[in-house]
Structure formats: structure tokens, C-alpha cells
Amino acid sequence: MQRDACFVCGQPLIYNDQTVEQTCVFCGEKEMNAITCPNGHYLCNRCHGLDALGVIRETTLKSSETVPEVLAEFLMQHPTVAMHGPEHHALVPAVLVAVTANLLGLEEKEALVKEAIKRGSRVPGGHCGYFGACGAGVGVGIAVSVLTGATPLKREEWSWANRATAMALEKMADTGGPRCCKRCTMLALAAGREAIARFLQVELPAAADWKCRYFSRNRQCLGRQCPFWGDK
């Protein structure tokens, strides 16, 4: 993304003579700034200075979104979220926990989301190839664990969390490599929706068919073999 282009829509930024009040699309903070996007997108100074985990935390905590793919796509557009990287391991559980909490109106949302991010951020990069378990897939198990209060000593919750991870990893293994953090994130969210419906009896809304907009940044893109490939 060019530095003089909007990070959301890619349109050239407008450098005005006077400042105007703008609202950050990630955290909702209002600021005065002379640089504007023609489509109204704005990134506040605080969010601009955050790292990827900070953006994931602030956005999921304040968002009221209930569709996992919509919230994930919004986060992946942020300039701190790389094409590939371990931030996706925290993004997946944060999104799944946040949208579930939003749908159910859980008062403990903040604590649950922060715990999901803390656990997901501990899964290192390259976990998919070197440990045999994609971090985004593990993130599905993390989400179910956080939402159900699973521990190593519990029976059903322990089983649910591990099976949720297995459901995600099976989808990824069926698609094949090489890795793509965007593809695996979306496969993980699909598995997360199925797992949350199965184990928590909560039906998360589904998004329209998601088509990848990141393929040009991925040198190992599967192209038409990817389930998210489409007319761009």
C-alpha cells in the first residue's frame, strides 16, 4: 500500500488546507486532521502507532460486529497486519470470541478477548510447518477453550477445545500447502463457526462468499486451487 493512499480503499489521500474532525475506523476516536480519504476512512494517531496485536485488541474490544469474516477482513486491512505472520494466531481467537460475546451480550467480553489474544500470541510463527498445527487452527481451539472455560482437568470442555482445533486443521490439510495466513485464517473462522454451533449451540452469522484481495502479495499463492480464489 502506498504511504499516500488510504489503507482501507487504496484511494489517494487528500491534503487539505484546514483540519476537519474525523473518526477512526478502528477505535472510534475523534481527531482533527487535515489529511482525509475521499471515502471517509481515517486512522487515528494512536492506532497508527500500535503494533498488530494492539490493533487486534483495540478493534475487537470496541467492535459490535457479529460476522467473523467481516471483522477479520477489517483487521487484515490494517497496515500493521502482514501478509503472513503470527499475528493471525491471535487474530482468529480474538475475532471468534469477540463476535460470540457481541451476539450473546456477554459482560465479560473484555476479559475473554484479552485472554484469547494473550494465548494466541504465544503460538510462534511457522507453527504450521514445523509443529504440524497451523496457529490459526490452534486459535479456534483457543477460542472454544476461552468461551467454555476449558482447563487440562475438565472433561467435556477439554474435548471441545481439542476437537475444535482438529476441525480447523482438517480443513487446512484438505486444502494443502504451501501456507497462506489469509487462506488459513478464513478456513479457521469457518471451522470456528461450526465448532461454536456444535459445542456452544450459538449460531454465528455467515458472510457472503469471501474472495481474496491479497493474492498479489503472496508469492506462493495457490491461484485457482485456493477455495477463496475468484474474479478480482
C-alpha atoms as a PDB file:
ATOM      1  CA  MET A   1       0.000   0.000   0.000  1.00  0.00           C
ATOM      2  CA  GLN A   2       1.392   3.411  -0.898  1.00  0.00           C
ATOM      3  CA  ARG A   3       2.003   5.772   2.002  1.00  0.00           C
ATOM      4  CA  ASP A   4      -0.086   8.487   0.320  1.00  0.00           C
ATOM      5  CA  ALA A   5      -3.035   6.140  -0.248  1.00  0.00           C
ATOM      6  CA  CYS A   6      -5.850   5.120   2.086  1.00  0.00           C
ATOM      7  CA  PHE A   7      -5.034   1.865   3.860  1.00  0.00           C
ATOM      8  CA  VAL A   8      -8.649   0.674   3.514  1.00  0.00           C
ATOM      9  CA  CYS A   9      -9.689   1.544  -0.028  1.00  0.00           C
ATOM     10  CA  GLY A  10      -6.389   2.481  -1.669  1.00  0.00           C
ATOM     11  CA  GLN A  11      -7.645   5.850  -2.898  1.00  0.00           C
ATOM     12  CA  PRO A  12      -5.166   8.777  -2.966  1.00  0.00           C
ATOM     13  CA  LEU A  13      -5.297  10.813   0.231  1.00  0.00           C
ATOM     14  CA  ILE A  14      -6.390  14.449   0.110  1.00  0.00           C
ATOM     15  CA  TYR A  15      -4.155  17.030   1.783  1.00  0.00           C
ATOM     16  CA  ASN A  16      -6.471  19.880   2.784  1.00  0.00           C
ATOM     17  CA  ASP A  17      -5.678  23.436   3.853  1.00  0.00           C
ATOM     18  CA  GLN A  18      -7.654  23.119   7.090  1.00  0.00           C
ATOM     19  CA  THR A  19      -8.182  20.398   9.662  1.00  0.00           C
ATOM     20  CA  VAL A  20     -11.529  18.641   9.973  1.00  0.00           C
ATOM     21  CA  GLU A  21     -12.901  16.308  12.634  1.00  0.00           C
ATOM     22  CA  GLN A  22     -12.541  12.663  11.663  1.00  0.00           C
ATOM     23  CA  THR A  23     -13.432   9.380  13.331  1.00  0.00           C
ATOM     24  CA  CYS A  24     -11.008   6.455  13.431  1.00  0.00           C
ATOM     25  CA  VAL A  25     -12.496   3.425  11.681  1.00  0.00           C
ATOM     26  CA  PHE A  26     -10.753   1.092  14.126  1.00  0.00           C
ATOM     27  CA  CYS A  27     -11.288   2.564  17.605  1.00  0.00           C
ATOM     28  CA  GLY A  28     -13.859   5.320  17.037  1.00  0.00           C
ATOM     29  CA  GLU A  29     -11.615   8.055  18.427  1.00  0.00           C
ATOM     30  CA  LYS A  30     -12.316  11.541  17.045  1.00  0.00           C
ATOM     31  CA  GLU A  31      -9.419  13.743  15.961  1.00  0.00           C
ATOM     32  CA  MET A  32      -8.731  16.878  13.968  1.00  0.00           C
ATOM     33  CA  ASN A  33      -6.599  16.220  10.895  1.00  0.00           C
ATOM     34  CA  ALA A  34      -6.087  17.897   7.531  1.00  0.00           C
ATOM     35  CA  ILE A  35      -5.407  14.645   5.651  1.00  0.00           C
ATOM     36  CA  THR A  36      -8.590  12.909   4.501  1.00  0.00           C
ATOM     37  CA  CYS A  37      -9.682   9.912   2.460  1.00  0.00           C
ATOM     38  CA  PRO A  38     -12.282  10.645  -0.240  1.00  0.00           C
ATOM     39  CA  ASN A  39     -14.318   7.728   1.143  1.00  0.00           C
ATOM     40  CA  GLY A  40     -14.138   8.911   4.749  1.00  0.00           C
ATOM     41  CA  HIS A  41     -11.707   6.339   6.159  1.00  0.00           C
ATOM     42  CA  TYR A  42      -9.443   7.577   8.932  1.00  0.00           C
ATOM     43  CA  LEU A  43      -6.753   6.010  11.128  1.00  0.00           C
ATOM     44  CA  CYS A  44      -6.108   7.949  14.345  1.00  0.00           C
ATOM     45  CA  ASN A  45      -2.602   8.698  15.575  1.00  0.00           C
ATOM     46  CA  ARG A  46      -2.883   6.196  18.416  1.00  0.00           C
ATOM     47  CA  CYS A  47      -3.947   3.289  16.200  1.00  0.00           C
ATOM     48  CA  HIS A  48      -1.324   4.304  13.652  1.00  0.00           C
ATOM     49  CA  GLY A  49       1.302   3.790  16.331  1.00  0.00           C
ATOM     50  CA  LEU A  50       0.014   0.433  17.576  1.00  0.00           C
ATOM     51  CA  ASP A  51       1.518  -2.888  16.622  1.00  0.00           C
ATOM     52  CA  ALA A  52      -0.647  -5.621  15.098  1.00  0.00           C
ATOM     53  CA  LEU A  53      -1.628  -7.134  18.451  1.00  0.00           C
ATOM     54  CA  GLY A  54      -2.589  -3.713  19.757  1.00  0.00           C
ATOM     55  CA  VAL A  55      -4.794  -3.102  16.748  1.00  0.00           C
ATOM     56  CA  ILE A  56      -6.426  -6.516  17.131  1.00  0.00           C
ATOM     57  CA  ARG A  57      -7.065  -5.853  20.823  1.00  0.00           C
ATOM     58  CA  GLU A  58      -8.458  -2.333  20.444  1.00  0.00           C
ATOM     59  CA  THR A  59     -10.618  -3.166  17.440  1.00  0.00           C
ATOM     60  CA  THR A  60     -12.162  -6.394  18.705  1.00  0.00           C
ATOM     61  CA  LEU A  61     -12.913  -4.845  22.093  1.00  0.00           C
ATOM     62  CA  LYS A  62     -14.793  -1.909  20.587  1.00  0.00           C
ATOM     63  CA  SER A  63     -16.421  -3.602  17.605  1.00  0.00           C
ATOM     64  CA  SER A  64     -20.060  -4.714  17.721  1.00  0.00           C
ATOM     65  CA  GLU A  65     -19.637  -6.933  14.640  1.00  0.00           C
ATOM     66  CA  THR A  66     -21.117 -10.452  14.802  1.00  0.00           C
ATOM     67  CA  VAL A  67     -19.869 -11.876  11.474  1.00  0.00           C
ATOM     68  CA  PRO A  68     -16.370 -13.374  11.929  1.00  0.00           C
ATOM     69  CA  GLU A  69     -15.200 -12.890   8.341  1.00  0.00           C
ATOM     70  CA  VAL A  70     -16.252  -9.243   8.281  1.00  0.00           C
ATOM     71  CA  LEU A  71     -14.302  -8.405  11.439  1.00  0.00           C
ATOM     72  CA  ALA A  72     -11.276 -10.428  10.329  1.00  0.00           C
ATOM     73  CA  GLU A  73     -11.169  -8.774   6.905  1.00  0.00           C
ATOM     74  CA  PHE A  74     -11.399  -5.370   8.556  1.00  0.00           C
ATOM     75  CA  LEU A  75      -8.412  -6.208  10.755  1.00  0.00           C
ATOM     76  CA  MET A  76      -6.348  -7.695   7.933  1.00  0.00           C
ATOM     77  CA  GLN A  77      -6.632  -4.415   6.028  1.00  0.00           C
ATOM     78  CA  HIS A  78      -4.665  -2.630   8.752  1.00  0.00           C
ATOM     79  CA  PRO A  79      -1.108  -1.799   7.642  1.00  0.00           C
ATOM     80  CA  THR A  80       0.460  -3.465  10.701  1.00  0.00           C
ATOM     81  CA  VAL A  81      -1.050  -6.867   9.827  1.00  0.00           C
ATOM     82  CA  ALA A  82       1.396  -8.527   7.452  1.00  0.00           C
ATOM     83  CA  MET A  83       0.538 -10.838   4.571  1.00  0.00           C
ATOM     84  CA  HIS A  84       1.916 -13.711   6.640  1.00  0.00           C
ATOM     85  CA  GLY A  85       2.750 -13.644  10.320  1.00  0.00           C
ATOM     86  CA  PRO A  86       1.993 -14.909  13.835  1.00  0.00           C
ATOM     87  CA  GLU A  87      -0.435 -12.032  14.458  1.00  0.00           C
ATOM     88  CA  HIS A  88      -3.017 -14.218  12.684  1.00  0.00           C
ATOM     89  CA  HIS A  89      -2.683 -16.730  15.534  1.00  0.00           C
ATOM     90  CA  ALA A  90      -4.126 -14.100  17.885  1.00  0.00           C
ATOM     91  CA  LEU A  91      -6.494 -12.590  15.331  1.00  0.00           C
ATOM     92  CA  VAL A  92      -8.541 -15.777  14.892  1.00  0.00           C
ATOM     93  CA  PRO A  93      -9.397 -16.416  18.570  1.00  0.00           C
ATOM     94  CA  ALA A  94      -9.876 -12.697  19.222  1.00  0.00           C
ATOM     95  CA  VAL A  95     -12.391 -12.436  16.383  1.00  0.00           C
ATOM     96  CA  LEU A  96     -14.283 -15.608  17.312  1.00  0.00           C
ATOM     97  CA  VAL A  97     -14.511 -14.654  20.979  1.00  0.00           C
ATOM     98  CA  ALA A  98     -15.474 -11.051  20.204  1.00  0.00           C
ATOM     99  CA  VAL A  99     -18.274 -11.850  17.756  1.00  0.00           C
ATOM    100  CA  THR A 100     -19.664 -14.542  20.066  1.00  0.00           C
ATOM    101  CA  ALA A 101     -19.588 -12.142  23.004  1.00  0.00           C
ATOM    102  CA  ASN A 102     -21.266  -9.469  20.881  1.00  0.00           C
ATOM    103  CA  LEU A 103     -24.003 -11.850  19.774  1.00  0.00           C
ATOM    104  CA  LEU A 104     -24.691 -13.062  23.312  1.00  0.00           C
ATOM    105  CA  GLY A 105     -24.163  -9.705  25.002  1.00  0.00           C
ATOM    106  CA  LEU A 106     -21.534 -11.093  27.372  1.00  0.00           C
ATOM    107  CA  GLU A 107     -20.495  -8.589  30.041  1.00  0.00           C
ATOM    108  CA  GLU A 108     -17.127 -10.310  30.422  1.00  0.00           C
ATOM    109  CA  LYS A 109     -16.218  -9.686  26.764  1.00  0.00           C
ATOM    110  CA  GLU A 110     -13.134  -7.597  27.544  1.00  0.00           C
ATOM    111  CA  ALA A 111     -11.555 -10.199  29.801  1.00  0.00           C
ATOM    112  CA  LEU A 112     -12.345 -13.020  27.369  1.00  0.00           C
ATOM    113  CA  VAL A 113     -10.948 -11.213  24.324  1.00  0.00           C
ATOM    114  CA  LYS A 114      -7.765 -10.213  26.142  1.00  0.00           C
ATOM    115  CA  GLU A 115      -7.234 -13.793  27.295  1.00  0.00           C
ATOM    116  CA  ALA A 116      -7.763 -15.090  23.746  1.00  0.00           C
ATOM    117  CA  ILE A 117      -5.176 -12.657  22.381  1.00  0.00           C
ATOM    118  CA  LYS A 118      -2.709 -13.486  25.154  1.00  0.00           C
ATOM    119  CA  ARG A 119      -2.901 -17.196  24.401  1.00  0.00           C
ATOM    120  CA  GLY A 120      -2.885 -16.800  20.617  1.00  0.00           C
ATOM    121  CA  SER A 121       0.143 -14.513  20.693  1.00  0.00           C
ATOM    122  CA  ARG A 122       2.167 -17.292  22.320  1.00  0.00           C
ATOM    123  CA  VAL A 123       1.912 -19.502  19.218  1.00  0.00           C
ATOM    124  CA  PRO A 124       5.099 -18.789  17.215  1.00  0.00           C
ATOM    125  CA  GLY A 125       5.404 -18.136  13.517  1.00  0.00           C
ATOM    126  CA  GLY A 126       5.988 -21.181  11.321  1.00  0.00           C
ATOM    127  CA  HIS A 127       3.996 -23.368  13.713  1.00  0.00           C
ATOM    128  CA  CYS A 128       2.099 -24.843  10.753  1.00  0.00           C
ATOM    129  CA  GLY A 129       5.087 -26.417   9.026  1.00  0.00           C
ATOM    130  CA  TYR A 130       7.425 -27.017  11.949  1.00  0.00           C
ATOM    131  CA  PHE A 131       4.960 -28.238  14.582  1.00  0.00           C
ATOM    132  CA  GLY A 132       2.249 -29.681  12.351  1.00  0.00           C
ATOM    133  CA  ALA A 133      -0.501 -27.401  13.611  1.00  0.00           C
ATOM    134  CA  CYS A 134      -1.318 -24.055  11.988  1.00  0.00           C
ATOM    135  CA  GLY A 135      -1.502 -21.313  14.601  1.00  0.00           C
ATOM    136  CA  ALA A 136      -4.781 -20.045  13.157  1.00  0.00           C
ATOM    137  CA  GLY A 137      -6.199 -23.536  13.611  1.00  0.00           C
ATOM    138  CA  VAL A 138      -4.933 -23.652  17.181  1.00  0.00           C
ATOM    139  CA  GLY A 139      -6.647 -20.279  17.545  1.00  0.00           C
ATOM    140  CA  VAL A 140     -10.014 -21.960  17.011  1.00  0.00           C
ATOM    141  CA  GLY A 141      -9.293 -24.279  19.919  1.00  0.00           C
ATOM    142  CA  ILE A 142      -8.180 -21.296  21.977  1.00  0.00           C
ATOM    143  CA  ALA A 143     -11.459 -19.523  21.263  1.00  0.00           C
ATOM    144  CA  VAL A 144     -13.540 -22.530  22.312  1.00  0.00           C
ATOM    145  CA  SER A 145     -11.356 -23.011  25.385  1.00  0.00           C
ATOM    146  CA  VAL A 146     -11.786 -19.383  26.456  1.00  0.00           C
ATOM    147  CA  LEU A 147     -15.523 -19.348  25.794  1.00  0.00           C
ATOM    148  CA  THR A 148     -16.174 -22.619  27.650  1.00  0.00           C
ATOM    149  CA  GLY A 149     -13.635 -22.216  30.454  1.00  0.00           C
ATOM    150  CA  ALA A 150     -11.707 -25.321  29.444  1.00  0.00           C
ATOM    151  CA  THR A 151      -8.733 -26.474  31.518  1.00  0.00           C
ATOM    152  CA  PRO A 152      -6.482 -29.563  31.373  1.00  0.00           C
ATOM    153  CA  LEU A 153      -8.638 -31.110  34.127  1.00  0.00           C
ATOM    154  CA  LYS A 154     -12.095 -30.632  32.624  1.00  0.00           C
ATOM    155  CA  ARG A 155     -13.817 -33.355  30.638  1.00  0.00           C
ATOM    156  CA  GLU A 156     -16.252 -32.023  28.034  1.00  0.00           C
ATOM    157  CA  GLU A 157     -14.651 -28.585  27.662  1.00  0.00           C
ATOM    158  CA  TRP A 158     -11.210 -30.153  27.178  1.00  0.00           C
ATOM    159  CA  SER A 159     -12.626 -32.374  24.456  1.00  0.00           C
ATOM    160  CA  TRP A 160     -14.438 -29.486  22.752  1.00  0.00           C
ATOM    161  CA  ALA A 161     -11.339 -27.286  22.594  1.00  0.00           C
ATOM    162  CA  ASN A 162      -9.177 -30.032  21.119  1.00  0.00           C
ATOM    163  CA  ARG A 163     -11.827 -31.123  18.650  1.00  0.00           C
ATOM    164  CA  ALA A 164     -12.302 -27.504  17.534  1.00  0.00           C
ATOM    165  CA  THR A 165      -8.602 -27.298  16.689  1.00  0.00           C
ATOM    166  CA  ALA A 166      -8.846 -30.613  14.846  1.00  0.00           C
ATOM    167  CA  MET A 167     -11.819 -29.366  12.815  1.00  0.00           C
ATOM    168  CA  ALA A 168      -9.803 -26.360  11.667  1.00  0.00           C
ATOM    169  CA  LEU A 169      -6.636 -28.303  10.911  1.00  0.00           C
ATOM    170  CA  GLU A 170      -8.579 -30.821   8.840  1.00  0.00           C
ATOM    171  CA  LYS A 171      -9.920 -28.047   6.610  1.00  0.00           C
ATOM    172  CA  MET A 172      -6.405 -26.694   6.143  1.00  0.00           C
ATOM    173  CA  ALA A 173      -4.852 -30.085   5.463  1.00  0.00           C
ATOM    174  CA  ASP A 174      -7.516 -30.836   2.859  1.00  0.00           C
ATOM    175  CA  THR A 175      -6.636 -27.607   1.035  1.00  0.00           C
ATOM    176  CA  GLY A 176      -2.903 -28.286   1.135  1.00  0.00           C
ATOM    177  CA  GLY A 177       0.158 -26.057   1.259  1.00  0.00           C
ATOM    178  CA  PRO A 178       2.178 -24.026   0.989  1.00  0.00           C
ATOM    179  CA  ARG A 179       0.960 -21.853   3.818  1.00  0.00           C
ATOM    180  CA  CYS A 180      -1.122 -18.724   3.353  1.00  0.00           C
ATOM    181  CA  CYS A 181      -2.111 -16.879   6.512  1.00  0.00           C
ATOM    182  CA  LYS A 182      -5.130 -15.275   4.826  1.00  0.00           C
ATOM    183  CA  ARG A 183      -6.466 -18.577   3.481  1.00  0.00           C
ATOM    184  CA  CYS A 184      -5.863 -20.354   6.786  1.00  0.00           C
ATOM    185  CA  THR A 185      -7.492 -17.530   8.730  1.00  0.00           C
ATOM    186  CA  MET A 186     -10.683 -17.837   6.699  1.00  0.00           C
ATOM    187  CA  LEU A 187     -10.675 -21.629   6.891  1.00  0.00           C
ATOM    188  CA  ALA A 188     -10.162 -21.344  10.652  1.00  0.00           C
ATOM    189  CA  LEU A 189     -13.101 -18.962  11.007  1.00  0.00           C
ATOM    190  CA  ALA A 190     -15.331 -21.337   9.038  1.00  0.00           C
ATOM    191  CA  ALA A 191     -14.315 -24.174  11.344  1.00  0.00           C
ATOM    192  CA  GLY A 192     -14.805 -21.886  14.330  1.00  0.00           C
ATOM    193  CA  ARG A 193     -18.376 -21.155  13.282  1.00  0.00           C
ATOM    194  CA  GLU A 194     -19.053 -24.901  13.054  1.00  0.00           C
ATOM    195  CA  ALA A 195     -17.380 -25.619  16.394  1.00  0.00           C
ATOM    196  CA  ILE A 196     -19.190 -22.843  18.253  1.00  0.00           C
ATOM    197  CA  ALA A 197     -22.507 -24.017  16.834  1.00  0.00           C
ATOM    198  CA  ARG A 198     -21.744 -27.605  17.813  1.00  0.00           C
ATOM    199  CA  PHE A 199     -20.340 -27.081  21.296  1.00  0.00           C
ATOM    200  CA  LEU A 200     -21.946 -23.830  22.454  1.00  0.00           C
ATOM    201  CA  GLN A 201     -25.213 -24.015  20.468  1.00  0.00           C
ATOM    202  CA  VAL A 202     -24.529 -20.488  19.186  1.00  0.00           C
ATOM    203  CA  GLU A 203     -25.129 -19.782  15.500  1.00  0.00           C
ATOM    204  CA  LEU A 204     -22.754 -17.083  14.286  1.00  0.00           C
ATOM    205  CA  PRO A 205     -23.942 -15.200  11.179  1.00  0.00           C
ATOM    206  CA  ALA A 206     -22.228 -16.180   7.951  1.00  0.00           C
ATOM    207  CA  ALA A 207     -20.719 -13.740   5.486  1.00  0.00           C
ATOM    208  CA  ALA A 208     -21.234 -13.788   1.756  1.00  0.00           C
ATOM    209  CA  ASP A 209     -18.594 -15.764  -0.134  1.00  0.00           C
ATOM    210  CA  TRP A 210     -15.259 -14.180   0.744  1.00  0.00           C
ATOM    211  CA  LYS A 211     -12.884 -13.602  -2.150  1.00  0.00           C
ATOM    212  CA  CYS A 212      -9.231 -12.917  -1.525  1.00  0.00           C
ATOM    213  CA  ARG A 213      -7.815  -9.469  -2.228  1.00  0.00           C
ATOM    214  CA  TYR A 214      -4.288 -10.319  -1.066  1.00  0.00           C
ATOM    215  CA  PHE A 215      -3.164 -12.793  -3.752  1.00  0.00           C
ATOM    216  CA  SER A 216      -0.761 -10.346  -5.414  1.00  0.00           C
ATOM    217  CA  ARG A 217       1.213 -10.116  -2.149  1.00  0.00           C
ATOM    218  CA  ASN A 218       1.606 -13.879  -1.801  1.00  0.00           C
ATOM    219  CA  ARG A 219       4.410 -15.372  -3.874  1.00  0.00           C
ATOM    220  CA  GLN A 220       3.196 -18.885  -3.043  1.00  0.00           C
ATOM    221  CA  CYS A 221      -0.481 -18.281  -3.864  1.00  0.00           C
ATOM    222  CA  LEU A 222      -2.322 -21.430  -4.956  1.00  0.00           C
ATOM    223  CA  GLY A 223      -4.283 -19.444  -7.518  1.00  0.00           C
ATOM    224  CA  ARG A 224      -7.342 -21.282  -8.763  1.00  0.00           C
ATOM    225  CA  GLN A 225      -6.624 -24.159  -6.396  1.00  0.00           C
ATOM    226  CA  CYS A 226      -7.435 -21.889  -3.446  1.00  0.00           C
ATOM    227  CA  PRO A 227     -11.068 -22.053  -2.270  1.00  0.00           C
ATOM    228  CA  PHE A 228     -11.094 -18.259  -1.960  1.00  0.00           C
ATOM    229  CA  TRP A 229      -9.828 -17.518  -5.452  1.00  0.00           C
ATOM    230  CA  GLY A 230     -12.248 -15.561  -7.605  1.00  0.00           C
ATOM    231  CA  ASP A 231     -12.650 -12.715 -10.050  1.00  0.00           C
ATOM    232  CA  LYS A 232     -10.764  -9.778  -8.622  1.00  0.00           C
END
